Amino acid sequence: MDIMNIKKLPYNFTVCKLEKITDMNTVSEFYFIGKTDEELSLVCKTEDAPANTVERDDGWKCFRIEGVLDFSMIGILSKLSGILAENNIGIFAVSTYNTDYILVKEENFEKALTVLKTEGYRII
């Protein structure tokens, strides 16, 4: 495996459920929206979290795999999540067209980065 760069993001994140999309600030710098037939989920910087949520979970930190991940690259998220699971670190993963983002509870964040560094990932 080539060495992969993991970039720490400097924000605190919130994961929440919304009643409707108009409850969120769509001009925020950084957010992920997931909508299905059962729910509307939002991951955003804590400072941008809407006041009106159905459910809310604060205290997340995030890192991303640097660079653009080609769709032919297989098992990247699986390998990362497996390493973290073996070390009793739960994750909340979000993928974009270009890359994967992994959120970890704040109290486990430094441990997660240390474990990944030990496994050969470069933390930047």
N, C-alpha and C. Protein backbone atom coordinates (compact mmCIF):
# COMPACT_ATOMS: atom_id res chain seq x y z
N MET A 1 0.84 -1.18 0.00
CA MET A 1 0.00 0.00 0.00
C MET A 1 0.89 1.24 0.00
N ASP A 2 0.57 2.21 -0.86
CA ASP A 2 1.26 3.49 -0.80
C ASP A 2 0.87 4.18 0.50
N ILE A 3 1.77 5.01 0.99
CA ILE A 3 1.46 5.76 2.21
C ILE A 3 0.34 6.75 1.90
N MET A 4 -0.69 6.72 2.70
CA MET A 4 -1.81 7.64 2.52
C MET A 4 -1.70 8.74 3.56
N ASN A 5 -2.01 9.95 3.13
CA ASN A 5 -2.01 11.09 4.03
C ASN A 5 -3.40 11.27 4.64
N ILE A 6 -3.40 11.44 5.94
CA ILE A 6 -4.63 11.72 6.69
C ILE A 6 -4.52 13.15 7.19
N LYS A 7 -5.49 13.98 6.83
CA LYS A 7 -5.46 15.39 7.24
C LYS A 7 -6.46 15.63 8.36
N LYS A 8 -5.95 16.13 9.48
CA LYS A 8 -6.82 16.52 10.59
C LYS A 8 -7.54 17.81 10.22
N LEU A 9 -8.82 17.86 10.46
CA LEU A 9 -9.56 19.09 10.25
C LEU A 9 -9.68 19.83 11.58
N PRO A 10 -9.57 21.14 11.57
CA PRO A 10 -9.48 21.90 12.83
C PRO A 10 -10.81 22.25 13.47
N TYR A 11 -11.89 21.61 13.06
CA TYR A 11 -13.21 22.00 13.55
C TYR A 11 -13.77 20.97 14.53
N ASN A 12 -14.74 21.41 15.30
CA ASN A 12 -15.59 20.51 16.07
C ASN A 12 -16.85 20.30 15.25
N PHE A 13 -17.35 19.06 15.26
CA PHE A 13 -18.50 18.73 14.42
C PHE A 13 -19.69 18.25 15.25
N THR A 14 -20.86 18.41 14.65
CA THR A 14 -22.12 17.95 15.20
C THR A 14 -22.82 17.09 14.16
N VAL A 15 -23.41 16.01 14.61
CA VAL A 15 -24.23 15.14 13.77
C VAL A 15 -25.67 15.30 14.26
N CYS A 16 -26.58 15.63 13.35
CA CYS A 16 -27.96 15.85 13.81
C CYS A 16 -28.98 15.43 12.77
N LYS A 17 -30.22 15.32 13.25
CA LYS A 17 -31.37 15.04 12.40
C LYS A 17 -32.22 16.30 12.35
N LEU A 18 -32.71 16.61 11.15
CA LEU A 18 -33.54 17.79 10.97
C LEU A 18 -34.94 17.40 10.52
N GLU A 19 -35.86 18.28 10.79
CA GLU A 19 -37.23 18.10 10.30
C GLU A 19 -37.32 18.47 8.82
N LYS A 20 -36.68 19.59 8.46
CA LYS A 20 -36.73 20.04 7.07
C LYS A 20 -35.42 20.74 6.72
N ILE A 21 -35.09 20.74 5.45
CA ILE A 21 -33.81 21.28 4.99
C ILE A 21 -33.69 22.78 5.22
N THR A 22 -34.80 23.46 5.29
CA THR A 22 -34.76 24.90 5.52
C THR A 22 -34.31 25.24 6.94
N ASP A 23 -34.19 24.24 7.80
CA ASP A 23 -33.71 24.48 9.17
C ASP A 23 -32.20 24.68 9.21
N MET A 24 -31.50 24.41 8.11
CA MET A 24 -30.04 24.53 8.12
C MET A 24 -29.57 25.72 7.31
N ASN A 25 -28.35 26.13 7.59
CA ASN A 25 -27.71 27.24 6.90
C ASN A 25 -26.91 26.67 5.72
N THR A 26 -27.43 26.82 4.51
CA THR A 26 -26.77 26.23 3.35
C THR A 26 -25.62 27.07 2.81
N VAL A 27 -25.30 28.17 3.45
CA VAL A 27 -24.12 28.94 3.04
C VAL A 27 -22.93 28.66 3.96
N SER A 28 -23.09 27.75 4.89
CA SER A 28 -21.98 27.36 5.75
C SER A 28 -20.84 26.81 4.91
N GLU A 29 -19.64 26.96 5.41
CA GLU A 29 -18.44 26.53 4.70
C GLU A 29 -18.35 25.02 4.54
N PHE A 30 -18.88 24.27 5.50
CA PHE A 30 -18.59 22.84 5.57
C PHE A 30 -19.79 22.11 6.12
N TYR A 31 -20.44 21.29 5.31
CA TYR A 31 -21.53 20.45 5.81
C TYR A 31 -21.80 19.30 4.86
N PHE A 32 -22.40 18.24 5.40
CA PHE A 32 -22.84 17.09 4.63
C PHE A 32 -24.32 16.90 4.92
N ILE A 33 -25.09 16.64 3.88
CA ILE A 33 -26.52 16.37 4.06
C ILE A 33 -26.79 14.96 3.53
N GLY A 34 -27.58 14.22 4.28
CA GLY A 34 -28.05 12.93 3.82
C GLY A 34 -29.56 12.88 3.96
N LYS A 35 -30.25 12.59 2.88
CA LYS A 35 -31.71 12.53 2.92
C LYS A 35 -32.15 11.21 2.33
N THR A 36 -32.99 10.52 3.08
CA THR A 36 -33.59 9.28 2.61
C THR A 36 -35.10 9.37 2.82
N ASP A 37 -35.79 8.29 2.54
CA ASP A 37 -37.24 8.27 2.77
C ASP A 37 -37.57 8.25 4.26
N GLU A 38 -36.55 8.04 5.12
CA GLU A 38 -36.80 7.95 6.56
C GLU A 38 -36.26 9.11 7.38
N GLU A 39 -35.27 9.85 6.84
CA GLU A 39 -34.69 10.91 7.67
C GLU A 39 -33.92 11.93 6.84
N LEU A 40 -33.63 13.04 7.49
CA LEU A 40 -32.78 14.09 6.95
C LEU A 40 -31.68 14.32 7.97
N SER A 41 -30.44 13.96 7.59
CA SER A 41 -29.30 14.08 8.49
C SER A 41 -28.37 15.18 8.03
N LEU A 42 -27.72 15.79 9.01
CA LEU A 42 -26.77 16.87 8.74
C LEU A 42 -25.54 16.65 9.60
N VAL A 43 -24.37 16.78 8.97
CA VAL A 43 -23.10 16.83 9.69
C VAL A 43 -22.52 18.19 9.37
N CYS A 44 -22.19 18.96 10.41
CA CYS A 44 -21.70 20.31 10.18
C CYS A 44 -20.77 20.73 11.31
N LYS A 45 -20.08 21.84 11.09
CA LYS A 45 -19.29 22.40 12.17
C LYS A 45 -20.26 22.74 13.31
N THR A 46 -19.86 22.47 14.52
CA THR A 46 -20.74 22.68 15.67
C THR A 46 -21.26 24.11 15.73
N GLU A 47 -20.40 25.06 15.41
CA GLU A 47 -20.82 26.46 15.45
C GLU A 47 -21.91 26.78 14.43
N ASP A 48 -22.08 25.93 13.42
CA ASP A 48 -23.10 26.15 12.39
C ASP A 48 -24.33 25.28 12.57
N ALA A 49 -24.36 24.47 13.62
CA ALA A 49 -25.50 23.57 13.83
C ALA A 49 -26.77 24.38 14.08
N PRO A 50 -27.87 24.01 13.44
CA PRO A 50 -29.12 24.74 13.65
C PRO A 50 -29.66 24.53 15.05
N ALA A 51 -30.36 25.51 15.54
CA ALA A 51 -30.94 25.43 16.88
C ALA A 51 -32.10 24.44 16.91
N ASN A 52 -32.81 24.32 15.79
CA ASN A 52 -34.01 23.49 15.71
C ASN A 52 -33.65 22.14 15.10
N THR A 53 -33.31 21.15 15.95
CA THR A 53 -33.00 19.80 15.47
C THR A 53 -33.94 18.79 16.11
N VAL A 54 -34.14 17.68 15.44
CA VAL A 54 -34.93 16.58 16.00
C VAL A 54 -34.07 15.85 17.03
N GLU A 55 -32.82 15.56 16.64
CA GLU A 55 -31.82 14.95 17.52
C GLU A 55 -30.48 15.57 17.18
N ARG A 56 -29.55 15.56 18.17
CA ARG A 56 -28.27 16.21 17.97
C ARG A 56 -27.21 15.51 18.81
N ASP A 57 -26.03 15.31 18.21
CA ASP A 57 -24.92 14.70 18.93
C ASP A 57 -23.66 15.53 18.65
N ASP A 58 -23.19 16.25 19.64
CA ASP A 58 -21.99 17.08 19.54
C ASP A 58 -20.76 16.26 19.93
N GLY A 59 -19.59 16.88 19.80
CA GLY A 59 -18.37 16.27 20.31
C GLY A 59 -17.62 15.40 19.32
N TRP A 60 -17.72 15.70 18.03
CA TRP A 60 -17.03 14.94 17.00
C TRP A 60 -15.86 15.74 16.45
N LYS A 61 -14.78 15.06 16.10
CA LYS A 61 -13.63 15.61 15.37
C LYS A 61 -13.54 14.83 14.06
N CYS A 62 -12.79 15.36 13.11
CA CYS A 62 -12.81 14.74 11.78
C CYS A 62 -11.43 14.77 11.14
N PHE A 63 -11.19 13.75 10.32
CA PHE A 63 -10.03 13.76 9.43
C PHE A 63 -10.48 13.25 8.07
N ARG A 64 -9.71 13.59 7.05
CA ARG A 64 -10.03 13.12 5.71
C ARG A 64 -8.80 12.49 5.08
N ILE A 65 -9.06 11.64 4.14
CA ILE A 65 -7.98 11.06 3.34
C ILE A 65 -7.64 12.11 2.28
N GLU A 66 -6.40 12.54 2.25
CA GLU A 66 -5.99 13.59 1.33
C GLU A 66 -5.93 13.07 -0.10
N GLY A 67 -6.25 13.96 -1.01
CA GLY A 67 -6.19 13.64 -2.42
C GLY A 67 -7.52 13.13 -2.94
N VAL A 68 -7.57 12.97 -4.23
CA VAL A 68 -8.78 12.46 -4.88
C VAL A 68 -8.65 10.94 -4.98
N LEU A 69 -9.64 10.25 -4.46
CA LEU A 69 -9.65 8.78 -4.49
C LEU A 69 -10.43 8.32 -5.71
N ASP A 70 -9.76 7.66 -6.59
CA ASP A 70 -10.39 7.11 -7.79
C ASP A 70 -11.37 6.01 -7.38
N PHE A 71 -12.48 5.90 -8.08
CA PHE A 71 -13.50 4.89 -7.75
C PHE A 71 -12.98 3.47 -7.89
N SER A 72 -11.89 3.28 -8.61
CA SER A 72 -11.34 1.94 -8.75
C SER A 72 -10.53 1.51 -7.53
N MET A 73 -10.23 2.46 -6.64
CA MET A 73 -9.49 2.12 -5.42
C MET A 73 -10.44 1.45 -4.44
N ILE A 74 -10.13 0.22 -4.07
CA ILE A 74 -11.05 -0.59 -3.29
C ILE A 74 -10.55 -0.80 -1.87
N GLY A 75 -11.46 -0.69 -0.90
CA GLY A 75 -11.15 -1.07 0.47
C GLY A 75 -10.50 -0.02 1.34
N ILE A 76 -10.41 1.21 0.88
CA ILE A 76 -9.74 2.25 1.67
C ILE A 76 -10.50 2.52 2.96
N LEU A 77 -11.77 2.80 2.85
CA LEU A 77 -12.58 3.07 4.04
C LEU A 77 -12.69 1.82 4.91
N SER A 78 -12.80 0.67 4.29
CA SER A 78 -12.89 -0.59 5.02
C SER A 78 -11.64 -0.83 5.87
N LYS A 79 -10.47 -0.56 5.29
CA LYS A 79 -9.23 -0.77 6.02
C LYS A 79 -9.12 0.19 7.20
N LEU A 80 -9.40 1.46 6.95
CA LEU A 80 -9.34 2.45 8.03
C LEU A 80 -10.32 2.12 9.15
N SER A 81 -11.56 1.82 8.79
CA SER A 81 -12.56 1.53 9.82
C SER A 81 -12.23 0.25 10.56
N GLY A 82 -11.63 -0.73 9.87
CA GLY A 82 -11.22 -1.97 10.52
C GLY A 82 -10.13 -1.74 11.55
N ILE A 83 -9.13 -0.94 11.19
CA ILE A 83 -8.05 -0.61 12.14
C ILE A 83 -8.63 0.07 13.37
N LEU A 84 -9.51 1.04 13.16
CA LEU A 84 -10.09 1.76 14.30
C LEU A 84 -10.99 0.85 15.13
N ALA A 85 -11.77 -0.01 14.48
CA ALA A 85 -12.63 -0.94 15.21
C ALA A 85 -11.82 -1.90 16.08
N GLU A 86 -10.68 -2.37 15.55
CA GLU A 86 -9.82 -3.26 16.33
C GLU A 86 -9.29 -2.57 17.59
N ASN A 87 -9.30 -1.25 17.59
CA ASN A 87 -8.82 -0.48 18.74
C ASN A 87 -9.98 0.16 19.51
N ASN A 88 -11.18 -0.39 19.32
CA ASN A 88 -12.38 0.05 20.03
C ASN A 88 -12.69 1.53 19.82
N ILE A 89 -12.50 2.00 18.60
CA ILE A 89 -12.80 3.39 18.27
C ILE A 89 -13.92 3.39 17.23
N GLY A 90 -15.07 3.90 17.64
CA GLY A 90 -16.20 3.99 16.73
C GLY A 90 -16.05 5.18 15.79
N ILE A 91 -16.67 5.07 14.64
CA ILE A 91 -16.57 6.14 13.65
C ILE A 91 -17.93 6.49 13.08
N PHE A 92 -17.98 7.64 12.45
CA PHE A 92 -19.10 8.07 11.61
C PHE A 92 -18.45 8.50 10.31
N ALA A 93 -18.69 7.78 9.23
CA ALA A 93 -18.00 8.04 7.96
C ALA A 93 -18.93 8.75 6.98
N VAL A 94 -18.34 9.66 6.22
CA VAL A 94 -19.04 10.37 5.16
C VAL A 94 -18.13 10.37 3.94
N SER A 95 -18.70 10.06 2.81
CA SER A 95 -17.92 10.06 1.58
C SER A 95 -18.45 11.13 0.63
N THR A 96 -17.52 11.75 -0.08
CA THR A 96 -17.87 12.69 -1.13
C THR A 96 -17.40 12.10 -2.45
N TYR A 97 -17.59 12.81 -3.50
CA TYR A 97 -17.13 12.33 -4.81
C TYR A 97 -15.63 12.10 -4.80
N ASN A 98 -14.88 13.00 -4.14
CA ASN A 98 -13.42 12.94 -4.16
C ASN A 98 -12.78 12.06 -3.10
N THR A 99 -13.33 12.03 -1.89
CA THR A 99 -12.61 11.37 -0.81
C THR A 99 -13.54 10.93 0.32
N ASP A 100 -12.94 10.40 1.36
CA ASP A 100 -13.69 9.94 2.54
C ASP A 100 -13.32 10.80 3.74
N TYR A 101 -14.31 11.05 4.57
CA TYR A 101 -14.14 11.78 5.83
C TYR A 101 -14.53 10.84 6.95
N ILE A 102 -13.75 10.82 8.01
CA ILE A 102 -14.06 9.97 9.14
C ILE A 102 -14.16 10.84 10.39
N LEU A 103 -15.31 10.76 11.03
CA LEU A 103 -15.53 11.49 12.27
C LEU A 103 -15.38 10.51 13.42
N VAL A 104 -14.73 10.98 14.47
CA VAL A 104 -14.47 10.19 15.67
C VAL A 104 -14.84 11.05 16.87
N LYS A 105 -15.40 10.45 17.89
CA LYS A 105 -15.71 11.23 19.08
C LYS A 105 -14.43 11.88 19.61
N GLU A 106 -14.58 13.09 20.10
CA GLU A 106 -13.45 13.92 20.51
C GLU A 106 -12.50 13.21 21.47
N GLU A 107 -13.04 12.44 22.39
CA GLU A 107 -12.20 11.78 23.40
C GLU A 107 -11.35 10.65 22.80
N ASN A 108 -11.68 10.20 21.59
CA ASN A 108 -10.92 9.13 20.93
C ASN A 108 -10.08 9.62 19.74
N PHE A 109 -10.15 10.90 19.45
CA PHE A 109 -9.55 11.43 18.23
C PHE A 109 -8.02 11.25 18.19
N GLU A 110 -7.33 11.67 19.23
CA GLU A 110 -5.87 11.55 19.23
C GLU A 110 -5.44 10.08 19.23
N LYS A 111 -6.18 9.24 19.94
CA LYS A 111 -5.89 7.81 19.92
C LYS A 111 -6.04 7.26 18.50
N ALA A 112 -7.09 7.68 17.80
CA ALA A 112 -7.32 7.22 16.43
C ALA A 112 -6.16 7.61 15.53
N LEU A 113 -5.71 8.84 15.65
CA LEU A 113 -4.60 9.30 14.81
C LEU A 113 -3.31 8.55 15.14
N THR A 114 -3.07 8.29 16.42
CA THR A 114 -1.88 7.55 16.83
C THR A 114 -1.91 6.13 16.27
N VAL A 115 -3.06 5.48 16.36
CA VAL A 115 -3.21 4.11 15.84
C VAL A 115 -2.96 4.09 14.34
N LEU A 116 -3.53 5.05 13.61
CA LEU A 116 -3.35 5.09 12.16
C LEU A 116 -1.90 5.37 11.79
N LYS A 117 -1.25 6.24 12.55
CA LYS A 117 0.16 6.52 12.30
C LYS A 117 0.99 5.25 12.50
N THR A 118 0.68 4.51 13.55
CA THR A 118 1.38 3.24 13.82
C THR A 118 1.18 2.26 12.67
N GLU A 119 0.04 2.34 12.00
CA GLU A 119 -0.27 1.43 10.88
C GLU A 119 0.30 1.92 9.55
N GLY A 120 1.04 3.03 9.57
CA GLY A 120 1.70 3.48 8.36
C GLY A 120 1.07 4.66 7.64
N TYR A 121 0.03 5.22 8.20
CA TYR A 121 -0.58 6.41 7.60
C TYR A 121 0.21 7.65 8.04
N ARG A 122 0.30 8.64 7.17
CA ARG A 122 0.99 9.89 7.49
C ARG A 122 -0.07 10.90 7.93
N ILE A 123 0.08 11.44 9.13
CA ILE A 123 -0.87 12.42 9.66
C ILE A 123 -0.34 13.82 9.35
N ILE A 124 -1.16 14.60 8.68
CA ILE A 124 -0.74 15.96 8.34
C ILE A 124 -1.73 16.99 8.86
